Amino acid sequence: MASARKETSGEPAFWRLKLYVAGQTPRSLAAIATLKRTCDEYVGERCAIEVIDLIERSQLAREDDVIAIPTIVRGAKRR
């Protein structure tokens, strides 16, 4: 994620990211920390991260065809 792409209006893109994890494992916690650090460094306030724990909400994996975790999915643009 070297830089956020520009919208056609000239405004910077807003990134909506979903991070799928399974519980509070070391791997899940590392994925969360890495994604937050990367977003802070490259897109700052133009990024929203939703962490989805598949242990609690397993049905959501189907919506984004998640077959492995941790997985990051870019969501719809915020308007």
Protein backbone atom coordinates (compact mmCIF):
# COMPACT_ATOMS: atom_id res chain seq x y z
CA MET A 1 0.00 0.00 0.00
CA ALA A 2 2.52 2.61 -1.11
CA SER A 3 -0.12 5.29 -1.49
CA ALA A 4 -3.88 5.59 -1.50
CA ARG A 5 -5.35 5.94 -4.98
CA LYS A 6 -7.11 9.20 -5.81
CA GLU A 7 -10.82 9.33 -6.40
CA THR A 8 -11.96 10.81 -9.70
CA SER A 9 -13.04 13.97 -7.86
CA GLY A 10 -9.44 14.60 -6.81
CA GLU A 11 -10.13 13.68 -3.17
CA PRO A 12 -7.97 10.98 -1.61
CA ALA A 13 -9.55 7.53 -1.45
CA PHE A 14 -11.06 6.39 1.84
CA TRP A 15 -10.12 2.79 2.66
CA ARG A 16 -12.65 0.56 4.43
CA LEU A 17 -10.86 -2.61 5.43
CA LYS A 18 -12.21 -5.75 7.07
CA LEU A 19 -9.70 -7.95 8.86
CA TYR A 20 -10.91 -11.48 9.50
CA VAL A 21 -9.25 -13.26 12.44
CA ALA A 22 -10.03 -16.19 14.74
CA GLY A 23 -9.84 -15.25 18.39
CA GLN A 24 -7.08 -13.44 20.23
CA THR A 25 -4.21 -15.64 19.07
CA PRO A 26 -0.68 -14.25 18.69
CA ARG A 27 -1.11 -14.43 14.90
CA SER A 28 -4.41 -12.51 15.04
CA LEU A 29 -2.98 -9.85 17.35
CA ALA A 30 0.06 -9.45 15.10
CA ALA A 31 -2.17 -9.05 12.02
CA ILE A 32 -4.25 -6.37 13.76
CA ALA A 33 -1.16 -4.45 14.91
CA THR A 34 0.50 -4.67 11.49
CA LEU A 35 -2.60 -3.47 9.64
CA LYS A 36 -3.14 -0.55 12.05
CA ARG A 37 0.52 0.47 11.79
CA THR A 38 0.46 0.25 7.98
CA CYS A 39 -2.75 2.27 7.72
CA ASP A 40 -1.43 4.92 10.12
CA GLU A 41 1.77 5.23 8.10
CA TYR A 42 0.31 5.31 4.60
CA VAL A 43 -3.31 6.53 4.70
CA GLY A 44 -3.83 7.98 8.18
CA GLU A 45 -7.36 9.20 8.86
CA ARG A 46 -8.56 7.96 5.47
CA CYS A 47 -8.79 4.38 6.72
CA ALA A 48 -11.36 2.49 8.79
CA ILE A 49 -10.58 -1.01 10.02
CA GLU A 50 -13.27 -3.46 11.09
CA VAL A 51 -11.88 -6.52 12.88
CA ILE A 52 -14.18 -9.53 12.51
CA ASP A 53 -13.62 -12.44 14.86
CA LEU A 54 -14.85 -15.54 13.06
CA ILE A 55 -15.13 -17.45 16.31
CA GLU A 56 -17.92 -15.06 17.30
CA ARG A 57 -19.35 -14.27 13.84
CA SER A 58 -18.45 -17.21 11.57
CA GLN A 59 -21.35 -16.58 9.17
CA LEU A 60 -19.62 -13.39 7.92
CA ALA A 61 -16.82 -15.41 6.28
CA ARG A 62 -19.19 -16.38 3.46
CA GLU A 63 -19.97 -12.77 2.54
CA ASP A 64 -16.37 -12.12 1.49
CA ASP A 65 -15.44 -15.70 0.51
CA VAL A 66 -12.86 -15.97 3.31
CA ILE A 67 -11.07 -19.33 3.17
CA ALA A 68 -7.96 -18.54 5.25
CA ILE A 69 -7.25 -16.28 8.19
CA PRO A 70 -6.06 -13.69 8.87
CA THR A 71 -7.52 -12.15 5.71
CA ILE A 72 -7.93 -8.49 4.73
CA VAL A 73 -10.82 -7.45 2.48
CA ARG A 74 -11.31 -3.98 1.08
CA GLY A 75 -14.89 -2.92 1.65
CA ALA A 76 -17.16 -0.46 -0.11
CA LYS A 77 -16.21 3.20 -0.34
CA ARG A 78 -17.66 5.52 2.30
CA ARG A 79 -19.81 8.32 0.96
